Each structure stands twice: as C-alpha cells, then as structure tokens.
Protein backbone atom coordinates (compact mmCIF):
# COMPACT_ATOMS: atom_id res chain seq x y z
CA MET A 1 -135.26 214.52 36.61
CA PRO A 2 -139.18 215.19 35.57
CA SER A 3 -141.79 212.39 34.62
CA ASP A 4 -141.78 211.29 31.45
CA ARG A 5 -145.19 213.27 31.36
CA LEU A 6 -143.60 216.59 32.39
CA ARG A 7 -140.72 216.30 30.52
CA LYS A 8 -142.75 216.02 27.06
CA LEU A 9 -144.58 219.19 28.68
CA GLU A 10 -141.17 220.91 29.03
CA MET A 11 -140.13 220.07 25.69
CA ASP A 12 -143.41 221.68 24.25
CA ALA A 13 -143.26 224.78 26.33
CA ASN A 14 -139.66 225.26 25.55
CA ALA A 15 -140.48 224.79 21.58
CA ALA A 16 -143.40 227.10 22.50
CA PHE A 17 -141.32 229.82 23.77
CA ASP A 18 -138.84 229.59 20.93
CA LEU A 19 -141.76 229.41 18.02
CA TYR A 20 -143.45 232.73 19.40
CA ARG A 21 -140.33 234.53 18.62
CA GLU A 22 -140.35 233.04 15.25
CA MET A 23 -143.46 233.21 13.88
CA HIS A 24 -143.65 237.12 12.93
CA VAL A 25 -140.07 236.71 11.38
CA SER A 26 -140.86 233.50 8.88
CA SER A 27 -143.67 231.78 7.10
CA GLU A 28 -145.56 229.42 9.39
CA SER A 29 -144.51 225.76 8.33
CA PRO A 30 -147.57 222.96 8.94
CA ASN A 31 -146.02 222.49 12.31
CA ARG A 32 -145.96 225.90 13.58
CA SER A 33 -149.98 226.15 12.04
CA ARG A 34 -150.71 223.03 14.47
CA ASN A 35 -148.81 224.73 17.79
CA LYS A 36 -150.51 228.17 16.86
CA ASN A 37 -153.63 228.02 19.56
CA LYS A 38 -150.84 226.91 21.95
CA LEU A 39 -149.13 230.57 21.35
CA ARG A 40 -151.69 232.99 21.55
CA PHE A 41 -150.21 234.26 24.61
CA CYS A 42 -147.19 234.95 22.16
CA PHE A 43 -145.44 238.49 23.47
CA ARG A 44 -143.95 239.81 19.98
CA TYR A 45 -141.57 242.62 22.09
CA PHE A 46 -139.35 239.63 23.01
CA GLU A 47 -138.92 238.60 19.30
CA GLY A 48 -135.17 237.57 18.74
CA GLY A 49 -134.54 237.11 22.41
CA VAL A 50 -133.46 233.84 24.28
CA SER A 51 -136.12 231.89 26.65
CA SER A 52 -135.92 228.40 28.16
CA VAL A 53 -138.32 226.58 30.11
CA TYR A 54 -137.36 224.10 33.43
CA LEU A 55 -140.53 221.97 34.89
CA TRP A 56 -140.15 219.65 37.88
CA ASP A 57 -142.60 217.36 39.52
CA LEU A 58 -144.64 218.09 42.89
CA ASP A 59 -147.04 215.56 45.02
CA HIS A 60 -150.23 217.37 43.70
CA GLY A 61 -149.16 218.85 40.15
CA PHE A 62 -145.87 220.49 39.06
CA ALA A 63 -143.61 223.87 39.37
CA GLY A 64 -141.36 225.54 36.64
CA VAL A 65 -139.43 228.15 35.69
CA ILE A 66 -139.50 230.53 32.63
CA LEU A 67 -136.34 232.64 32.04
CA ILE A 68 -136.69 235.57 29.37
CA LYS A 69 -133.88 237.53 28.27
CA LYS A 70 -133.58 240.20 25.62
CA ALA A 71 -130.20 242.38 24.86
CA GLY A 72 -130.03 245.39 22.97
CA ASP A 73 -127.37 245.44 20.55
CA GLY A 74 -126.15 249.23 20.92
CA SER A 75 -127.64 250.44 17.89
CA LYS A 76 -128.93 254.13 18.18
CA LYS A 77 -126.60 254.93 20.83
CA ILE A 78 -128.95 252.69 23.48
CA LYS A 79 -127.68 249.54 25.02
CA GLY A 80 -129.95 247.99 27.40
CA CYS A 81 -131.07 244.50 28.82
CA TRP A 82 -134.23 242.96 30.37
CA ASP A 83 -134.09 239.65 32.15
CA SER A 84 -137.79 238.07 33.54
CA ILE A 85 -137.72 235.03 35.72
CA HIS A 86 -141.61 233.59 36.03
CA VAL A 87 -141.80 230.73 38.84
CA VAL A 88 -144.74 228.80 38.40
CA GLU A 89 -146.31 226.16 40.77
CA VAL A 90 -149.77 224.15 39.26
CA GLN A 91 -151.64 222.52 41.73
CA GLU A 92 -154.08 220.01 39.82
CA LYS A 93 -157.32 219.21 40.93
CA SER A 94 -158.26 215.35 41.20
CA SER A 95 -161.00 215.65 38.43
CA GLY A 96 -158.12 217.01 35.92
CA ARG A 97 -160.35 219.61 34.18
CA SER A 98 -158.60 222.46 36.11
CA ALA A 99 -155.74 223.62 38.27
CA HIS A 100 -154.80 226.26 40.28
CA TYR A 101 -151.91 228.23 38.95
CA LYS A 102 -149.28 230.59 41.28
CA LEU A 103 -146.92 232.89 39.48
CA THR A 104 -144.20 234.60 40.78
CA SER A 105 -142.53 237.19 38.63
CA THR A 106 -139.23 239.30 38.64
CA ALA A 107 -138.30 241.50 35.87
CA MET A 108 -134.92 243.60 35.99
CA LEU A 109 -134.10 246.24 33.57
CA TRP A 110 -130.99 247.97 32.54
CA LEU A 111 -130.45 250.93 29.83
CA GLN A 112 -127.85 253.48 28.89
CA THR A 113 -127.87 255.80 26.37
CA ASN A 114 -125.24 257.89 25.02
CA LYS A 115 -126.53 260.73 23.07
CA LEU A 116 -125.25 264.46 22.05
CA GLY A 117 -128.00 266.09 23.82
CA SER A 118 -128.37 264.34 27.14
CA GLY A 119 -124.86 262.59 27.36
CA THR A 120 -124.69 259.27 28.99
CA MET A 121 -127.12 258.19 31.31
CA ASN A 122 -127.88 254.87 32.95
CA LEU A 123 -131.22 253.33 34.29
CA GLY A 124 -131.58 250.32 35.96
CA GLY A 125 -134.25 248.45 38.25
CA SER A 126 -136.19 245.31 39.17
CA LEU A 127 -139.82 244.43 40.39
CA THR A 128 -141.19 241.52 41.53
CA ARG A 129 -145.06 240.62 41.59
CA GLN A 130 -147.36 237.78 42.02
CA THR A 131 -150.62 236.24 40.96
CA GLU A 132 -152.52 233.08 41.70
CA THR A 133 -155.62 232.01 39.40
CA ASP A 134 -158.15 228.80 38.90
CA THR A 135 -158.37 228.13 35.20
CA GLY A 136 -160.19 225.19 33.51
CA VAL A 137 -157.40 222.52 31.95
CA GLY A 138 -158.61 220.96 28.26
CA ASP A 139 -157.37 220.80 24.75
CA THR A 140 -158.56 224.33 24.06
CA SER A 141 -156.97 225.49 27.05
CA PRO A 142 -153.80 223.44 28.15
CA HIS A 143 -151.59 223.94 30.24
CA ILE A 144 -148.90 225.95 28.19
CA ALA A 145 -151.57 228.08 26.92
CA ASN A 146 -152.88 229.10 30.62
CA ILE A 147 -149.22 229.34 31.98
CA GLY A 148 -148.36 231.40 28.53
CA ARG A 149 -151.52 234.24 29.27
CA MET A 150 -150.36 234.48 33.08
CA VAL A 151 -146.91 235.16 31.97
CA GLU A 152 -147.99 237.82 29.22
CA ASP A 153 -150.32 239.76 31.54
CA MET A 154 -147.60 239.76 34.26
CA GLU A 155 -144.98 241.12 31.64
CA ASN A 156 -147.04 243.79 30.46
CA LYS A 157 -148.04 244.89 34.07
CA ILE A 158 -144.52 244.95 35.29
CA ARG A 159 -143.38 246.77 32.10
CA ASN A 160 -145.92 249.42 32.34
CA ILE A 161 -145.40 250.06 36.07
CA LEU A 162 -141.31 250.20 35.36
CA ASN A 163 -142.52 252.70 32.51
CA GLU A 164 -144.20 254.75 34.78
CA ILE A 165 -142.28 254.12 38.03
CA TYR A 166 -138.32 254.56 36.64
CA PHE A 167 -138.82 256.39 33.41
CA GLY A 168 -141.46 258.53 34.62
CA LYS A 169 -139.35 259.84 37.51
CA THR A 170 -136.28 259.66 36.19
CA LYS A 171 -137.69 262.16 33.17
CA ASP A 172 -139.42 264.48 36.16
CA ILE A 173 -136.05 264.73 37.72
CA VAL A 174 -133.68 265.24 34.72
CA ASN A 175 -136.20 268.09 33.69
CA GLY A 176 -135.54 269.22 37.29
CA LEU A 177 -131.82 268.95 37.18
CA ARG A 178 -131.30 270.08 33.34
CA SER A 179 -132.44 273.09 31.87
CA VAL A 180 -133.10 273.33 28.03
CA GLN A 181 -131.96 277.48 28.20
CA SER A 182 -128.86 278.92 27.92
CA ILE A 183 -127.08 280.69 30.97
CA PRO A 184 -127.89 284.26 29.64
CA ASP A 185 -131.28 283.44 29.58
CA GLU A 186 -131.54 282.26 32.58
CA ARG A 187 -129.61 285.30 34.12
CA GLN A 188 -132.33 287.25 32.05
CA GLN A 189 -134.95 285.66 33.78
CA ALA A 190 -133.67 285.68 37.23
CA ALA A 191 -132.94 289.78 36.93
CA LEU A 192 -136.60 290.01 35.83
CA ARG A 193 -137.92 288.23 38.45
CA ASN A 194 -135.99 290.32 41.01
CA ASP A 195 -136.97 293.53 39.50
CA LEU A 196 -140.30 292.13 39.50
CA ALA A 197 -140.01 291.35 43.69
CA ILE A 198 -138.76 294.76 44.35
CA ALA A 199 -141.52 296.50 42.85
CA LEU A 200 -143.80 294.53 44.11
CA GLN A 201 -142.16 295.43 47.84
CA LYS A 202 -142.45 299.05 47.00
CA ARG A 203 -145.87 298.85 45.93
CA GLN A 204 -147.14 297.35 48.81
CA ALA A 205 -144.76 299.42 51.16
CA LYS A 206 -146.50 302.32 49.60
CA THR A 207 -150.07 300.94 50.37
CA ASP A 208 -149.19 300.07 54.25
CA ASN A 209 -148.27 303.66 54.23
C-alpha cells in the first residue's frame, strides 16, 4: 500500500485523468474549476475513454503507471482500440523544489475497416519510447501537472510516428497492390506500352544501321 501522502496523490491523479475526459462534455462545477490548473495537460482525443493511475513509494520518490484505453464502437464501419501504458519514476530532490522524471511509454493500436471500396483490412502495431527531464515542483507546477505534460507530449509523438509508419506505409503498399483502374483499361495501357517499346526498338535498329 502507498503511504498516506502518495495515496492522496494517487486519488488526485485518478480524478484528474477522469476529469479531463469530462470537462469538454459538461459544464464545469466549482470543484472542476479549482482543479483546472492541474488539467492543462488534458488530451481531448481520449474523451470518453477509460484511465487508471496507480502509484507506489520508492526510497527517494515514487513511481507509478498510467493506463489509458479507448475503443471504437464500430460506427462508420471502423473498429479499433488504443491502449497506452505510461510508467513514470519520480526522484525527488533533497530541496523538494524539483524532481527528476523518467517516463517509459508503450502504445498499442488496432484498427479494422470494412468498406465496400476497400474491403476488410486489419492494422495493428505497438511502439515504445522513453524520455527523462528535470522539472520544478510547486503550487503552480505539481507532480500531477508535470507528469501529465510529459504523458501528453509522449502520446502526441507516438501517435505521429504510428501515423507515419503504419498508416503511411500501409497506404503505399495498398496503392501498389490495388489499382483503381478496370482490367480492360490496364490491358489497353499494357498494349500501348508494348507498342511503344517495339517502335523504339525498330527506331534504334535503324539508327544503328
């Protein structure tokens, strides 16, 4: 069990991650307004998902894991699931005014589309990244806000990389394998290319003679 101080921080972190999903849906209550500064790191694209935060004590600080899950409901013929695991280690300095944060994040993405034009396609992958930073700790920059900003930045980086690698490469492969032209059109173009090749060969032969 975490210490009393850490347990309170754990409860605040869970409330914060729950709140950032709700604050764009309903109006802010007075309690939400007081916590607004803690939620500047909120990432709107997880609205409606599920999150959990667990913390435990270390000799010179604490560590924790932040779990985030968002699943598609299958609307618009697209199913999918995003799972991210963020493990953070916080080493508090002796002054108490700064801390060293180490974040290791893993994101797992799965998508399935079923459309008339493209058929059924499955896409899945995972990515792990790590970052470290020293940040001041105070009333205007508590642990929750510092960790939240790191998680948000890491989520954005991983999402961009996944978009470039998985979606970009998959699009190139599909475009290479699948043609939007009909078979007769392709045959006509192939015949035209063959005629041009023969004509160039005859011209080259005349030039050599």
